[in-house]
Amino acid sequence: MFRRPNVTLAQVQYFVAAAEAGSISAAAGQLHTSQSALSSAIHRLERELGCALFIRHHARGIALTPAGRGLLERARHLLRAALELEDTGRELCEKPAGELSAGFFTTLAPFYVPHVLSRVRTRHPQLRVRVLESDGAGLHTALRQGECEIALSYRLEIEPDMTFDPLATLRPYALVWPEHPVAGRDRATLRELARTPMVLLDLPEPSRFMLRMLAAAGARPPEIIRTTSFETMRGLVAAGEGFTILNQRPAAPDETTRAITITDAEPLDIGLLRVAAVRPNRRMAVFARQCREAVELVTRAAG
């Protein structure tokens, strides 16, 4: 069970300053505080420890008791450790070094993790990125619990305690098999596509977004086939089981399917998600910059 100390770091600092100065007034002057405040803090420290730390000599300053001499070096060590903690914290927050825990929306990860990690490794070799893949709800939870600091995600059901910085706007497209009724065309409406079954990637936020978009267009597929696997979804489309709707276009062509522009699709933003109350640090800034460049590259390569 965690035990919370009753002694404060300020009390320890006042004790060390008084011991080294040999005077309450001199220590108060060095620390820019009042004599009464410093004296009161030391009295509280002695009360918590259950022993006297100083012998007070009227008009002749103070002297350490045996207990005070025994605690002085430990107190100095504690203050040095606190300063080291401050320095480490500043270094981690201000320099692009150490480890960054970054989240990726699970359907974005295959497109962006390789690009982002490669850029970080080349340009900032002292920075390591630990990747967490999850859906939107999982990323929200991980950010709140400190399991990741920043995440590349879609603008889908963003909670009020989060901030979202958009990087690009994507227009969903349809993937159909070569014999689909609209396969020979460049464009189609959702109603035209929905005359055949739909293969739906069954992740909470994306599936709700897709179904809401279909409903708004008055498109009702005769059947919805659900899968949680991106590869299974593509395989089902290639086998002629149904069409699907995607946001990211792979750069390499696929002979087993056809990509069709949806004329009435609702655009969707991709961007960086983080807790609004958390101040961005240098590691997060580096990650954001590499994500921005990767999004530009992938978007340009997909045409």
Protein backbone atom coordinates (compact mmCIF):
# COMPACT_ATOMS: atom_id res chain seq x y z
CA MET A 1 0.00 0.00 0.00
CA PHE A 2 1.34 3.45 -0.94
CA ARG A 3 2.41 5.45 2.11
CA ARG A 4 2.22 9.21 1.77
CA PRO A 5 4.95 11.16 3.60
CA ASN A 6 3.89 13.82 6.08
CA VAL A 7 7.20 15.67 5.73
CA THR A 8 7.31 18.21 2.89
CA LEU A 9 10.23 19.05 0.64
CA ALA A 10 10.03 22.69 1.75
CA GLN A 11 10.49 21.67 5.39
CA VAL A 12 13.57 19.65 4.45
CA GLN A 13 14.95 22.58 2.45
CA TYR A 14 14.45 24.94 5.41
CA PHE A 15 16.13 22.46 7.77
CA VAL A 16 19.23 22.15 5.54
CA ALA A 17 19.46 25.91 5.00
CA ALA A 18 19.24 26.61 8.74
CA ALA A 19 21.80 23.90 9.57
CA GLU A 20 24.28 25.25 7.03
CA ALA A 21 23.73 28.92 7.96
CA GLY A 22 23.77 28.29 11.73
CA SER A 23 21.05 30.91 12.09
CA ILE A 24 17.33 31.11 11.44
CA SER A 25 17.58 34.74 10.31
CA ALA A 26 20.47 34.06 7.93
CA ALA A 27 18.69 31.04 6.39
CA ALA A 28 15.48 33.04 5.98
CA GLY A 29 17.43 35.73 4.15
CA GLN A 30 19.02 33.22 1.78
CA LEU A 31 15.65 31.65 0.98
CA HIS A 32 13.84 35.02 0.72
CA THR A 33 11.26 34.08 3.32
CA SER A 34 10.39 35.36 6.76
CA GLN A 35 12.04 34.12 9.94
CA SER A 36 8.66 33.17 11.38
CA ALA A 37 7.75 31.08 8.32
CA LEU A 38 11.08 29.25 8.35
CA SER A 39 11.00 28.68 12.10
CA SER A 40 7.41 27.43 11.94
CA ALA A 41 8.29 24.97 9.15
CA ILE A 42 11.18 23.55 11.15
CA HIS A 43 8.97 23.18 14.24
CA ARG A 44 6.44 21.23 12.14
CA LEU A 45 9.23 19.02 10.81
CA GLU A 46 10.46 18.30 14.32
CA ARG A 47 6.92 17.48 15.40
CA GLU A 48 6.44 15.04 12.50
CA LEU A 49 9.80 13.36 13.18
CA GLY A 50 9.26 13.27 16.93
CA CYS A 51 12.68 14.72 17.81
CA ALA A 52 14.44 18.05 18.17
CA LEU A 53 16.79 18.94 15.31
CA PHE A 54 18.28 22.14 16.72
CA ILE A 55 19.37 23.58 20.03
CA ARG A 56 18.29 27.25 20.09
CA HIS A 57 20.78 29.66 21.69
CA HIS A 58 19.34 33.06 22.45
CA ALA A 59 21.25 35.67 20.43
CA ARG A 60 23.84 33.04 19.47
CA GLY A 61 22.06 31.21 16.66
CA ILE A 62 21.34 27.48 16.53
CA ALA A 63 23.26 24.22 16.74
CA LEU A 64 22.36 20.75 15.49
CA THR A 65 21.30 18.10 17.96
CA PRO A 66 22.69 14.55 17.49
CA ALA A 67 19.46 13.68 15.67
CA GLY A 68 19.85 16.74 13.48
CA ARG A 69 23.44 15.79 12.59
CA GLY A 70 22.27 12.26 11.76
CA LEU A 71 19.56 13.56 9.41
CA LEU A 72 21.47 16.35 7.70
CA GLU A 73 23.26 14.30 5.03
CA ARG A 74 20.10 12.34 4.22
CA ALA A 75 18.24 15.61 3.88
CA ARG A 76 20.91 16.94 1.52
CA HIS A 77 20.66 13.74 -0.51
CA LEU A 78 16.88 14.13 -0.75
CA LEU A 79 17.23 17.71 -2.05
CA ARG A 80 19.83 16.61 -4.62
CA ALA A 81 17.45 13.87 -5.79
CA ALA A 82 14.65 16.42 -6.11
CA LEU A 83 16.88 18.67 -8.24
CA GLU A 84 17.82 15.70 -10.42
CA LEU A 85 14.13 14.93 -10.84
CA GLU A 86 13.51 18.51 -11.98
CA ASP A 87 16.40 18.36 -14.45
CA THR A 88 15.24 15.03 -15.85
CA GLY A 89 11.69 16.31 -16.23
CA ARG A 90 12.84 19.42 -18.08
CA GLU A 91 15.11 17.36 -20.33
CA LEU A 92 12.32 14.94 -21.20
CA CYS A 93 9.91 17.77 -21.93
CA GLU A 94 12.26 20.10 -23.81
CA LYS A 95 14.57 17.79 -25.76
CA PRO A 96 13.50 15.28 -28.43
CA ALA A 97 15.09 12.37 -26.57
CA GLY A 98 13.89 9.44 -24.51
CA GLU A 99 10.66 7.58 -25.21
CA LEU A 100 7.40 8.88 -26.63
CA SER A 101 4.24 6.80 -26.32
CA ALA A 102 2.18 7.50 -29.45
CA GLY A 103 -1.21 6.16 -30.47
CA PHE A 104 -2.46 5.33 -33.95
CA PHE A 105 -6.03 4.66 -34.97
CA THR A 106 -5.94 1.01 -35.92
CA THR A 107 -6.91 1.49 -39.60
CA LEU A 108 -4.39 4.33 -39.99
CA ALA A 109 -1.47 2.41 -38.47
CA PRO A 110 -0.56 0.34 -41.60
CA PHE A 111 -0.31 3.51 -43.69
CA TYR A 112 1.54 5.79 -41.27
CA VAL A 113 3.48 3.86 -38.63
CA PRO A 114 6.31 2.85 -41.04
CA HIS A 115 6.67 6.38 -42.41
CA VAL A 116 6.59 8.11 -39.02
CA LEU A 117 8.95 5.69 -37.26
CA SER A 118 11.43 5.81 -40.14
CA ARG A 119 11.50 9.61 -40.06
CA VAL A 120 11.89 9.80 -36.29
CA ARG A 121 14.69 7.22 -36.30
CA THR A 122 16.60 9.05 -39.04
CA ARG A 123 16.16 12.61 -37.81
CA HIS A 124 16.02 12.13 -34.05
CA PRO A 125 18.01 8.97 -33.22
CA GLN A 126 17.80 9.63 -29.46
CA LEU A 127 14.00 9.57 -29.53
CA ARG A 128 12.19 6.23 -29.37
CA VAL A 129 8.52 5.89 -30.26
CA ARG A 130 6.40 3.23 -28.56
CA VAL A 131 3.30 2.54 -30.65
CA LEU A 132 -0.19 1.84 -29.35
CA GLU A 133 -2.85 0.84 -31.90
CA SER A 134 -6.50 1.15 -30.93
CA ASP A 135 -9.90 2.45 -31.96
CA GLY A 136 -11.10 5.92 -30.98
CA ALA A 137 -12.45 4.98 -27.57
CA GLY A 138 -9.26 3.09 -26.76
CA LEU A 139 -7.11 6.07 -27.75
CA HIS A 140 -9.20 8.41 -25.59
CA THR A 141 -8.73 6.10 -22.60
CA ALA A 142 -5.00 5.67 -23.23
CA LEU A 143 -4.48 9.43 -23.47
CA ARG A 144 -6.39 10.08 -20.24
CA GLN A 145 -4.47 7.38 -18.36
CA GLY A 146 -1.09 8.52 -19.68
CA GLU A 147 -0.50 5.33 -21.66
CA CYS A 148 0.15 7.51 -24.70
CA GLU A 149 0.84 11.24 -25.05
CA ILE A 150 -0.48 11.97 -28.54
CA ALA A 151 -2.30 10.00 -31.23
CA LEU A 152 -2.89 10.08 -34.98
CA SER A 153 -6.61 9.55 -35.45
CA TYR A 154 -9.76 10.47 -37.34
CA ARG A 155 -12.05 13.25 -36.20
CA LEU A 156 -14.62 10.78 -34.91
CA GLU A 157 -16.56 11.37 -31.69
CA ILE A 158 -13.91 13.60 -30.07
CA GLU A 159 -14.57 14.04 -26.34
CA PRO A 160 -14.71 17.56 -24.80
CA ASP A 161 -11.51 17.07 -22.79
CA MET A 162 -9.53 16.38 -25.96
CA THR A 163 -8.07 18.67 -28.60
CA PHE A 164 -7.83 17.68 -32.26
CA ASP A 165 -5.40 19.28 -34.73
CA PRO A 166 -6.44 18.40 -38.31
CA LEU A 167 -3.71 17.45 -40.79
CA ALA A 168 -5.71 16.54 -43.90
CA THR A 169 -9.28 16.08 -45.11
CA LEU A 170 -10.05 12.76 -46.78
CA ARG A 171 -13.03 11.90 -48.96
CA PRO A 172 -14.18 8.28 -48.50
CA TYR A 173 -14.16 6.10 -51.60
CA ALA A 174 -15.71 2.76 -52.51
CA LEU A 175 -13.87 -0.46 -53.17
CA VAL A 176 -15.72 -2.89 -55.46
CA TRP A 177 -14.96 -6.13 -57.28
CA PRO A 178 -14.24 -5.96 -61.05
CA GLU A 179 -17.76 -7.15 -62.01
CA HIS A 180 -19.65 -4.80 -59.73
CA PRO A 181 -22.32 -2.77 -61.63
CA VAL A 182 -20.31 0.47 -61.20
CA ALA A 183 -16.82 -1.06 -61.60
CA GLY A 184 -16.38 0.39 -65.09
CA ARG A 185 -16.96 3.95 -63.91
CA ASP A 186 -14.87 6.49 -62.01
CA ARG A 187 -17.73 7.79 -59.85
CA ALA A 188 -20.89 6.53 -58.20
CA THR A 189 -23.43 7.57 -55.57
CA LEU A 190 -24.02 5.78 -52.30
CA ARG A 191 -27.44 4.64 -53.54
CA GLU A 192 -25.87 3.06 -56.61
CA LEU A 193 -23.30 1.26 -54.52
CA ALA A 194 -25.87 0.10 -51.96
CA ARG A 195 -27.74 -2.02 -54.52
CA THR A 196 -25.31 -4.76 -53.54
CA PRO A 197 -24.30 -6.00 -50.06
CA MET A 198 -21.81 -3.96 -48.05
CA VAL A 199 -18.73 -5.27 -46.25
CA LEU A 200 -18.32 -3.16 -43.11
CA LEU A 201 -15.18 -2.88 -41.02
CA ASP A 202 -16.81 -3.41 -37.65
CA LEU A 203 -15.01 -0.86 -35.47
CA PRO A 204 -17.32 1.30 -33.32
CA GLU A 205 -16.64 4.85 -34.53
CA PRO A 206 -15.93 4.12 -38.25
CA SER A 207 -18.94 1.80 -38.58
CA ARG A 208 -21.25 4.40 -37.01
CA PHE A 209 -19.83 7.06 -39.33
CA MET A 210 -20.34 4.88 -42.44
CA LEU A 211 -23.88 3.82 -41.51
CA ARG A 212 -24.85 7.40 -40.68
CA MET A 213 -23.51 8.55 -44.05
CA LEU A 214 -25.49 5.84 -45.87
CA ALA A 215 -28.66 6.71 -43.98
CA ALA A 216 -28.28 10.41 -44.80
CA ALA A 217 -28.05 9.51 -48.51
CA GLY A 218 -31.06 7.20 -48.29
CA ALA A 219 -28.89 4.22 -49.21
CA ARG A 220 -29.86 0.86 -47.69
CA PRO A 221 -27.65 -2.10 -48.65
CA PRO A 222 -29.60 -5.39 -48.88
CA GLU A 223 -27.08 -6.99 -46.51
CA ILE A 224 -24.24 -5.85 -44.28
CA ILE A 225 -21.33 -8.24 -43.75
CA ARG A 226 -19.25 -7.29 -40.74
CA THR A 227 -15.59 -8.05 -40.11
CA THR A 228 -12.92 -6.67 -37.79
CA SER A 229 -10.08 -7.52 -40.19
CA PHE A 230 -8.93 -5.10 -42.87
CA GLU A 231 -7.52 -7.95 -44.99
CA THR A 232 -10.70 -10.03 -44.61
CA MET A 233 -12.72 -7.01 -45.73
CA ARG A 234 -10.59 -6.57 -48.87
CA GLY A 235 -10.77 -10.32 -49.53
CA LEU A 236 -14.56 -10.34 -49.31
CA VAL A 237 -14.77 -7.42 -51.74
CA ALA A 238 -12.38 -9.11 -54.18
CA ALA A 239 -14.51 -12.28 -53.99
CA GLY A 240 -17.60 -10.31 -55.02
CA GLU A 241 -19.37 -10.55 -51.66
CA GLY A 242 -20.01 -6.81 -51.46
CA PHE A 243 -18.59 -3.29 -51.71
CA THR A 244 -16.89 -1.39 -48.91
CA ILE A 245 -16.08 2.21 -48.05
CA LEU A 246 -12.55 3.27 -47.12
CA ASN A 247 -10.72 6.49 -46.37
CA GLN A 248 -7.08 5.68 -47.10
CA ARG A 249 -6.04 4.80 -50.66
CA PRO A 250 -3.06 2.44 -50.95
CA ALA A 251 -0.33 3.66 -53.29
CA ALA A 252 0.12 0.24 -54.98
CA PRO A 253 -2.61 -0.79 -57.45
CA ASP A 254 -4.74 -3.86 -56.68
CA GLU A 255 -5.89 -5.87 -59.69
CA THR A 256 -8.59 -7.73 -57.72
CA THR A 257 -10.60 -4.62 -56.80
CA ARG A 258 -11.59 -1.24 -58.23
CA ALA A 259 -11.56 2.11 -56.39
CA ILE A 260 -14.57 4.31 -57.12
CA THR A 261 -15.03 7.95 -56.10
CA ILE A 262 -18.23 8.46 -54.10
CA THR A 263 -19.85 11.68 -55.24
CA ASP A 264 -21.96 12.19 -52.11
CA ALA A 265 -19.53 10.93 -49.48
CA GLU A 266 -19.02 12.94 -46.30
CA PRO A 267 -15.39 14.10 -45.93
CA LEU A 268 -13.43 13.08 -42.84
CA ASP A 269 -10.45 14.75 -41.15
CA ILE A 270 -7.31 12.98 -40.03
CA GLY A 271 -5.23 14.66 -37.36
CA LEU A 272 -3.53 14.64 -33.99
CA LEU A 273 -5.45 13.92 -30.80
CA ARG A 274 -4.27 14.76 -27.28
CA VAL A 275 -5.61 15.72 -23.86
CA ALA A 276 -6.40 19.45 -23.95
CA ALA A 277 -5.02 20.09 -20.46
CA VAL A 278 -1.62 18.55 -21.24
CA ARG A 279 0.97 21.03 -22.50
CA PRO A 280 2.75 19.67 -25.62
CA ASN A 281 6.44 18.92 -25.15
CA ARG A 282 9.31 18.70 -27.65
CA ARG A 283 8.84 14.97 -28.21
CA MET A 284 5.20 15.51 -29.09
CA ALA A 285 6.16 18.38 -31.42
CA VAL A 286 8.64 16.15 -33.24
CA PHE A 287 6.02 13.41 -33.60
CA ALA A 288 3.45 15.91 -34.87
CA ARG A 289 5.85 17.22 -37.51
CA GLN A 290 6.71 13.73 -38.76
CA CYS A 291 3.00 12.82 -38.87
CA ARG A 292 2.25 15.95 -40.89
CA GLU A 293 4.94 15.08 -43.43
CA ALA A 294 3.82 11.43 -43.59
CA VAL A 295 0.19 12.42 -44.15
CA GLU A 296 1.25 14.73 -46.99
CA LEU A 297 3.37 11.97 -48.53
CA VAL A 298 0.73 9.25 -48.29
CA THR A 299 -2.03 11.54 -49.56
CA ARG A 300 0.09 12.67 -52.50
CA ALA A 301 1.17 9.12 -53.38
CA ALA A 302 -2.44 7.89 -53.36
CA GLY A 303 -3.40 10.62 -55.81
